[in-house]
Amino acid sequence: MDLSPAPDSRPVSPAASPSSPFRLSPLAQAFVLHFGEMGSRWGINRTVGQIYAMLFLADAPRHAEEIADALTLSRGSVSMGLKELASWNLVQLRHVPGDRRDYYETPRDVWAIFRTLVEERKKREIDPTLTTLRTLLMEPATDASDRFAQERIAAMHEQIELLTDWYAEMRRLDNERLLQLLRLGERVVKALEFKDRMLGRSKAAPATETDDGQS
């Protein structure tokens, strides 16, 4: 099966290869079903969400037949779901020595998964939107209605570009620094609220009168 991105060719040790059919516990089933529901809300197929959730919980790479059996899905549905996940860079292809079947796993690092999801959504949704907005802003405005529309489009473009610039800076941080920054979130909000209160008091404070009665 030809998948993109390039498969991870590191072999899986024979000990990691399951020797008995993989079955989901009730806890795992609840997790998988929830991800299927959430996937449909995020704009991906329910089956894709379930496959991803199962691989995320699996303690070893799994081949398509195991996935199909555990989720009671057709082999074709699993194959299509794996291709979709591969296009999002959310599954990695592995090989077991002496086994010609393809095995799949998700990245072990949860932060890597999060970064991949954000990056892929940016490429698929935000970048095309920015391109369209730039194109519309370059169009000549023929009347007042168009000029007003371009002002609104320019405001939207500015906000989205500001967010993408912020995201580009966040991408440069390693996981530890990013986690530290996120943990500062509540303190930063409180500091900004304190600053706003102090500035508000300064603006509202009456002028102090001098000895001669002048302010």
C-alpha atoms as a PDB file:
ATOM      1  CA  MET A   1       0.000   0.000   0.000  1.00  0.00           C
ATOM      2  CA  ASP A   2       1.530   3.326  -1.027  1.00  0.00           C
ATOM      3  CA  LEU A   3       0.965   5.898   1.708  1.00  0.00           C
ATOM      4  CA  SER A   4       2.162   9.430   2.180  1.00  0.00           C
ATOM      5  CA  PRO A   5       4.236  10.479   4.071  1.00  0.00           C
ATOM      6  CA  ALA A   6       7.163   8.117   3.604  1.00  0.00           C
ATOM      7  CA  PRO A   7       6.761   5.122   5.914  1.00  0.00           C
ATOM      8  CA  ASP A   8       8.856   4.636   8.999  1.00  0.00           C
ATOM      9  CA  SER A   9      11.002   1.660   8.010  1.00  0.00           C
ATOM     10  CA  ARG A  10      12.191   0.835  11.537  1.00  0.00           C
ATOM     11  CA  PRO A  11      11.220  -2.780  12.219  1.00  0.00           C
ATOM     12  CA  VAL A  12       8.941  -3.755  15.049  1.00  0.00           C
ATOM     13  CA  SER A  13      10.469  -6.363  17.299  1.00  0.00           C
ATOM     14  CA  PRO A  14       8.735  -9.736  17.194  1.00  0.00           C
ATOM     15  CA  ALA A  15       7.875  -9.342  20.892  1.00  0.00           C
ATOM     16  CA  ALA A  16       5.861  -6.231  20.060  1.00  0.00           C
ATOM     17  CA  SER A  17       3.805  -8.091  17.494  1.00  0.00           C
ATOM     18  CA  PRO A  18       0.514  -9.266  19.017  1.00  0.00           C
ATOM     19  CA  SER A  19       0.127 -13.021  19.136  1.00  0.00           C
ATOM     20  CA  SER A  20      -3.617 -13.050  19.828  1.00  0.00           C
ATOM     21  CA  PRO A  21      -6.549 -11.141  18.356  1.00  0.00           C
ATOM     22  CA  PHE A  22      -6.734  -7.587  19.618  1.00  0.00           C
ATOM     23  CA  ARG A  23      -9.871  -6.787  21.591  1.00  0.00           C
ATOM     24  CA  LEU A  24     -11.013  -3.487  23.018  1.00  0.00           C
ATOM     25  CA  SER A  25     -11.860  -3.250  26.704  1.00  0.00           C
ATOM     26  CA  PRO A  26     -15.059  -1.407  27.702  1.00  0.00           C
ATOM     27  CA  LEU A  27     -12.947   1.612  28.650  1.00  0.00           C
ATOM     28  CA  ALA A  28     -11.180   1.583  25.273  1.00  0.00           C
ATOM     29  CA  GLN A  29     -14.486   1.112  23.457  1.00  0.00           C
ATOM     30  CA  ALA A  30     -15.899   4.207  25.156  1.00  0.00           C
ATOM     31  CA  PHE A  31     -12.828   6.206  24.091  1.00  0.00           C
ATOM     32  CA  VAL A  32     -13.031   4.946  20.506  1.00  0.00           C
ATOM     33  CA  LEU A  33     -16.759   5.648  20.217  1.00  0.00           C
ATOM     34  CA  HIS A  34     -16.280   9.168  21.565  1.00  0.00           C
ATOM     35  CA  PHE A  35     -13.548   9.904  19.031  1.00  0.00           C
ATOM     36  CA  GLY A  36     -15.793   8.636  16.267  1.00  0.00           C
ATOM     37  CA  GLU A  37     -18.500  11.074  17.350  1.00  0.00           C
ATOM     38  CA  MET A  38     -16.045  13.951  17.693  1.00  0.00           C
ATOM     39  CA  GLY A  39     -14.482  13.148  14.337  1.00  0.00           C
ATOM     40  CA  SER A  40     -17.801  13.667  12.581  1.00  0.00           C
ATOM     41  CA  ARG A  41     -18.059  17.088  14.247  1.00  0.00           C
ATOM     42  CA  TRP A  42     -14.521  18.016  13.227  1.00  0.00           C
ATOM     43  CA  GLY A  43     -15.253  17.272   9.594  1.00  0.00           C
ATOM     44  CA  ILE A  44     -13.668  13.829   9.302  1.00  0.00           C
ATOM     45  CA  ASN A  45     -15.313  10.470   8.799  1.00  0.00           C
ATOM     46  CA  ARG A  46     -16.542   8.706  11.931  1.00  0.00           C
ATOM     47  CA  THR A  47     -14.590   5.590  10.923  1.00  0.00           C
ATOM     48  CA  VAL A  48     -11.376   7.593  10.616  1.00  0.00           C
ATOM     49  CA  GLY A  49     -11.827   8.917  14.139  1.00  0.00           C
ATOM     50  CA  GLN A  50     -12.387   5.431  15.511  1.00  0.00           C
ATOM     51  CA  ILE A  51      -9.339   3.982  13.756  1.00  0.00           C
ATOM     52  CA  TYR A  52      -7.168   6.778  15.070  1.00  0.00           C
ATOM     53  CA  ALA A  53      -8.470   6.345  18.625  1.00  0.00           C
ATOM     54  CA  MET A  54      -7.850   2.598  18.548  1.00  0.00           C
ATOM     55  CA  LEU A  55      -4.274   3.012  17.315  1.00  0.00           C
ATOM     56  CA  PHE A  56      -3.660   5.725  19.891  1.00  0.00           C
ATOM     57  CA  LEU A  57      -4.534   3.298  22.693  1.00  0.00           C
ATOM     58  CA  ALA A  58      -2.801   0.261  21.176  1.00  0.00           C
ATOM     59  CA  ASP A  59       0.328  -0.905  23.004  1.00  0.00           C
ATOM     60  CA  ALA A  60       1.873  -2.115  19.727  1.00  0.00           C
ATOM     61  CA  PRO A  61       1.467  -1.399  16.003  1.00  0.00           C
ATOM     62  CA  ARG A  62      -1.584  -3.110  14.471  1.00  0.00           C
ATOM     63  CA  HIS A  63      -2.288  -4.364  10.965  1.00  0.00           C
ATOM     64  CA  ALA A  64      -5.451  -3.647   9.009  1.00  0.00           C
ATOM     65  CA  GLU A  65      -7.092  -7.001   9.724  1.00  0.00           C
ATOM     66  CA  GLU A  66      -6.745  -6.473  13.478  1.00  0.00           C
ATOM     67  CA  ILE A  67      -8.217  -3.001  13.180  1.00  0.00           C
ATOM     68  CA  ALA A  68     -11.137  -4.267  11.107  1.00  0.00           C
ATOM     69  CA  ASP A  69     -11.878  -7.089  13.562  1.00  0.00           C
ATOM     70  CA  ALA A  70     -11.625  -4.937  16.680  1.00  0.00           C
ATOM     71  CA  LEU A  71     -13.872  -2.204  15.268  1.00  0.00           C
ATOM     72  CA  THR A  72     -16.137  -4.547  13.247  1.00  0.00           C
ATOM     73  CA  LEU A  73     -15.381  -2.610  10.075  1.00  0.00           C
ATOM     74  CA  SER A  74     -14.870  -3.784   6.518  1.00  0.00           C
ATOM     75  CA  ARG A  75     -11.313  -4.157   5.245  1.00  0.00           C
ATOM     76  CA  GLY A  76     -12.041  -1.521   2.597  1.00  0.00           C
ATOM     77  CA  SER A  77     -13.239   1.011   5.175  1.00  0.00           C
ATOM     78  CA  VAL A  78     -10.113   0.455   7.245  1.00  0.00           C
ATOM     79  CA  SER A  79      -7.873   0.863   4.201  1.00  0.00           C
ATOM     80  CA  MET A  80      -9.539   4.153   3.267  1.00  0.00           C
ATOM     81  CA  GLY A  81      -9.386   5.342   6.867  1.00  0.00           C
ATOM     82  CA  LEU A  82      -5.671   4.595   7.120  1.00  0.00           C
ATOM     83  CA  LYS A  83      -5.010   6.490   3.901  1.00  0.00           C
ATOM     84  CA  GLU A  84      -6.898   9.481   5.289  1.00  0.00           C
ATOM     85  CA  LEU A  85      -4.922   9.381   8.529  1.00  0.00           C
ATOM     86  CA  ALA A  86      -1.679   9.072   6.574  1.00  0.00           C
ATOM     87  CA  SER A  87      -2.590  12.187   4.579  1.00  0.00           C
ATOM     88  CA  TRP A  88      -2.850  14.000   7.919  1.00  0.00           C
ATOM     89  CA  ASN A  89       0.496  12.547   9.076  1.00  0.00           C
ATOM     90  CA  LEU A  90      -1.311  10.926  12.007  1.00  0.00           C
ATOM     91  CA  VAL A  91      -0.247   7.312  11.432  1.00  0.00           C
ATOM     92  CA  GLN A  92       3.144   5.772  10.802  1.00  0.00           C
ATOM     93  CA  LEU A  93       3.810   2.617   8.816  1.00  0.00           C
ATOM     94  CA  ARG A  94       5.896  -0.054  10.531  1.00  0.00           C
ATOM     95  CA  HIS A  95       7.155  -3.505   9.553  1.00  0.00           C
ATOM     96  CA  VAL A  96       7.562  -6.763  11.455  1.00  0.00           C
ATOM     97  CA  PRO A  97      10.472  -9.003  10.395  1.00  0.00           C
ATOM     98  CA  GLY A  98       9.139 -12.002   8.510  1.00  0.00           C
ATOM     99  CA  ASP A  99       5.647 -10.500   8.173  1.00  0.00           C
ATOM    100  CA  ARG A 100       4.651  -8.956   4.850  1.00  0.00           C
ATOM    101  CA  ARG A 101       1.670  -7.124   6.295  1.00  0.00           C
ATOM    102  CA  ASP A 102       1.740  -3.387   6.967  1.00  0.00           C
ATOM    103  CA  TYR A 103       1.470  -2.341  10.600  1.00  0.00           C
ATOM    104  CA  TYR A 104       0.348   1.078  11.786  1.00  0.00           C
ATOM    105  CA  GLU A 105       0.776   3.189  14.878  1.00  0.00           C
ATOM    106  CA  THR A 106       0.216   6.769  15.969  1.00  0.00           C
ATOM    107  CA  PRO A 107       3.035   9.005  17.211  1.00  0.00           C
ATOM    108  CA  ARG A 108       3.743   8.294  20.875  1.00  0.00           C
ATOM    109  CA  ASP A 109       4.238  11.956  21.768  1.00  0.00           C
ATOM    110  CA  VAL A 110       0.883  13.650  22.413  1.00  0.00           C
ATOM    111  CA  TRP A 111       2.443  17.042  21.716  1.00  0.00           C
ATOM    112  CA  ALA A 112       3.633  15.810  18.325  1.00  0.00           C
ATOM    113  CA  ILE A 113       0.067  14.745  17.553  1.00  0.00           C
ATOM    114  CA  PHE A 114      -1.266  18.136  18.623  1.00  0.00           C
ATOM    115  CA  ARG A 115       1.315  19.989  16.538  1.00  0.00           C
ATOM    116  CA  THR A 116       0.512  17.824  13.513  1.00  0.00           C
ATOM    117  CA  LEU A 117      -3.219  18.461  13.823  1.00  0.00           C
ATOM    118  CA  VAL A 118      -2.745  22.216  14.105  1.00  0.00           C
ATOM    119  CA  GLU A 119      -0.293  22.336  11.198  1.00  0.00           C
ATOM    120  CA  GLU A 120      -2.507  20.250   8.927  1.00  0.00           C
ATOM    121  CA  ARG A 121      -5.603  22.302   9.713  1.00  0.00           C
ATOM    122  CA  LYS A 122      -3.626  25.469   9.023  1.00  0.00           C
ATOM    123  CA  LYS A 123      -2.496  24.158   5.636  1.00  0.00           C
ATOM    124  CA  ARG A 124      -5.959  22.934   4.676  1.00  0.00           C
ATOM    125  CA  GLU A 125      -8.113  25.754   6.050  1.00  0.00           C
ATOM    126  CA  ILE A 126      -6.226  28.887   7.120  1.00  0.00           C
ATOM    127  CA  ASP A 127      -3.673  29.165   4.310  1.00  0.00           C
ATOM    128  CA  PRO A 128      -6.274  28.903   1.485  1.00  0.00           C
ATOM    129  CA  THR A 129      -8.419  31.491   3.287  1.00  0.00           C
ATOM    130  CA  LEU A 130      -5.506  33.933   3.506  1.00  0.00           C
ATOM    131  CA  THR A 131      -4.778  33.423  -0.190  1.00  0.00           C
ATOM    132  CA  THR A 132      -8.399  34.161  -1.103  1.00  0.00           C
ATOM    133  CA  LEU A 133      -8.517  37.256   1.104  1.00  0.00           C
ATOM    134  CA  ARG A 134      -5.305  38.625  -0.428  1.00  0.00           C
ATOM    135  CA  THR A 135      -6.700  38.076  -3.922  1.00  0.00           C
ATOM    136  CA  LEU A 136      -9.928  39.908  -3.060  1.00  0.00           C
ATOM    137  CA  LEU A 137      -8.005  42.824  -1.559  1.00  0.00           C
ATOM    138  CA  MET A 138      -6.060  43.223  -4.810  1.00  0.00           C
ATOM    139  CA  GLU A 139      -9.253  43.539  -6.847  1.00  0.00           C
ATOM    140  CA  PRO A 140     -10.158  47.125  -7.847  1.00  0.00           C
ATOM    141  CA  ALA A 141     -13.072  48.529  -5.841  1.00  0.00           C
ATOM    142  CA  THR A 142     -15.652  49.791  -8.340  1.00  0.00           C
ATOM    143  CA  ASP A 143     -18.029  51.492  -5.894  1.00  0.00           C
ATOM    144  CA  ALA A 144     -18.610  52.373  -2.247  1.00  0.00           C
ATOM    145  CA  SER A 145     -20.057  48.947  -1.533  1.00  0.00           C
ATOM    146  CA  ASP A 146     -16.878  47.235  -2.742  1.00  0.00           C
ATOM    147  CA  ARG A 147     -14.701  49.639  -0.771  1.00  0.00           C
ATOM    148  CA  PHE A 148     -16.653  48.871   2.398  1.00  0.00           C
ATOM    149  CA  ALA A 149     -16.414  45.139   1.694  1.00  0.00           C
ATOM    150  CA  GLN A 150     -12.640  45.386   1.228  1.00  0.00           C
ATOM    151  CA  GLU A 151     -12.305  47.247   4.521  1.00  0.00           C
ATOM    152  CA  ARG A 152     -14.060  44.377   6.263  1.00  0.00           C
ATOM    153  CA  ILE A 153     -11.969  41.813   4.388  1.00  0.00           C
ATOM    154  CA  ALA A 154      -8.782  43.693   5.299  1.00  0.00           C
ATOM    155  CA  ALA A 155      -9.728  43.602   8.986  1.00  0.00           C
ATOM    156  CA  MET A 156     -10.320  39.854   8.802  1.00  0.00           C
ATOM    157  CA  HIS A 157      -7.049  39.333   6.914  1.00  0.00           C
ATOM    158  CA  GLU A 158      -5.129  41.307   9.532  1.00  0.00           C
ATOM    159  CA  GLN A 159      -6.538  39.250  12.399  1.00  0.00           C
ATOM    160  CA  ILE A 160      -5.895  35.895  10.735  1.00  0.00           C
ATOM    161  CA  GLU A 161      -2.371  36.909   9.741  1.00  0.00           C
ATOM    162  CA  LEU A 162      -1.687  38.016  13.316  1.00  0.00           C
ATOM    163  CA  LEU A 163      -2.740  34.576  14.548  1.00  0.00           C
ATOM    164  CA  THR A 164      -0.618  32.778  11.952  1.00  0.00           C
ATOM    165  CA  ASP A 165       2.408  34.900  12.895  1.00  0.00           C
ATOM    166  CA  TRP A 166       1.836  33.972  16.549  1.00  0.00           C
ATOM    167  CA  TYR A 167       1.519  30.311  15.580  1.00  0.00           C
ATOM    168  CA  ALA A 168       4.801  30.485  13.637  1.00  0.00           C
ATOM    169  CA  GLU A 169       6.530  31.723  16.787  1.00  0.00           C
ATOM    170  CA  MET A 170       4.944  28.984  18.904  1.00  0.00           C
ATOM    171  CA  ARG A 171       6.120  26.314  16.441  1.00  0.00           C
ATOM    172  CA  ARG A 172       9.718  27.227  17.195  1.00  0.00           C
ATOM    173  CA  LEU A 173       9.352  26.326  20.877  1.00  0.00           C
ATOM    174  CA  ASP A 174      10.197  22.865  22.113  1.00  0.00           C
ATOM    175  CA  ASN A 175       7.580  20.957  24.072  1.00  0.00           C
ATOM    176  CA  GLU A 176       8.934  21.930  27.489  1.00  0.00           C
ATOM    177  CA  ARG A 177       8.963  25.648  26.739  1.00  0.00           C
ATOM    178  CA  LEU A 178       5.533  25.481  25.121  1.00  0.00           C
ATOM    179  CA  LEU A 179       4.132  23.765  28.197  1.00  0.00           C
ATOM    180  CA  GLN A 180       5.672  26.427  30.435  1.00  0.00           C
ATOM    181  CA  LEU A 181       4.062  29.120  28.314  1.00  0.00           C
ATOM    182  CA  LEU A 182       0.656  27.465  28.467  1.00  0.00           C
ATOM    183  CA  ARG A 183       0.909  27.146  32.241  1.00  0.00           C
ATOM    184  CA  LEU A 184       1.503  30.893  32.406  1.00  0.00           C
ATOM    185  CA  GLY A 185      -1.800  31.495  30.645  1.00  0.00           C
ATOM    186  CA  GLU A 186      -3.941  32.209  33.713  1.00  0.00           C
ATOM    187  CA  ARG A 187      -1.274  34.387  35.294  1.00  0.00           C
ATOM    188  CA  VAL A 188      -0.884  36.409  32.099  1.00  0.00           C
ATOM    189  CA  VAL A 189      -4.645  36.997  31.924  1.00  0.00           C
ATOM    190  CA  LYS A 190      -4.716  38.135  35.557  1.00  0.00           C
ATOM    191  CA  ALA A 191      -1.771  40.473  34.955  1.00  0.00           C
ATOM    192  CA  LEU A 192      -3.525  42.033  31.962  1.00  0.00           C
ATOM    193  CA  GLU A 193      -6.754  42.430  33.948  1.00  0.00           C
ATOM    194  CA  PHE A 194      -4.808  44.099  36.784  1.00  0.00           C
ATOM    195  CA  LYS A 195      -3.156  46.465  34.299  1.00  0.00           C
ATOM    196  CA  ASP A 196      -6.546  47.383  32.813  1.00  0.00           C
ATOM    197  CA  ARG A 197      -7.964  48.078  36.279  1.00  0.00           C
ATOM    198  CA  MET A 198      -5.015  50.292  37.183  1.00  0.00           C
ATOM    199  CA  LEU A 199      -5.222  52.203  33.916  1.00  0.00           C
ATOM    200  CA  GLY A 200      -8.951  52.612  34.388  1.00  0.00           C
ATOM    201  CA  ARG A 201      -8.444  54.063  37.850  1.00  0.00           C
ATOM    202  CA  SER A 202      -5.769  56.441  36.587  1.00  0.00           C
ATOM    203  CA  LYS A 203      -8.061  57.770  33.881  1.00  0.00           C
ATOM    204  CA  ALA A 204     -11.006  58.089  36.263  1.00  0.00           C
ATOM    205  CA  ALA A 205      -9.052  59.724  39.116  1.00  0.00           C
ATOM    206  CA  PRO A 206      -9.973  63.445  39.579  1.00  0.00           C
ATOM    207  CA  ALA A 207      -7.299  66.070  39.185  1.00  0.00           C
ATOM    208  CA  THR A 208      -5.604  67.071  42.457  1.00  0.00           C
ATOM    209  CA  GLU A 209      -6.159  70.700  43.464  1.00  0.00           C
ATOM    210  CA  THR A 210      -3.195  72.910  44.393  1.00  0.00           C
ATOM    211  CA  ASP A 211      -3.060  75.211  47.433  1.00  0.00           C
ATOM    212  CA  ASP A 212      -4.382  78.168  45.418  1.00  0.00           C
ATOM    213  CA  GLY A 213      -7.428  76.169  44.387  1.00  0.00           C
ATOM    214  CA  GLN A 214      -6.261  75.541  40.841  1.00  0.00           C
ATOM    215  CA  SER A 215      -6.190  72.021  39.435  1.00  0.00           C
END
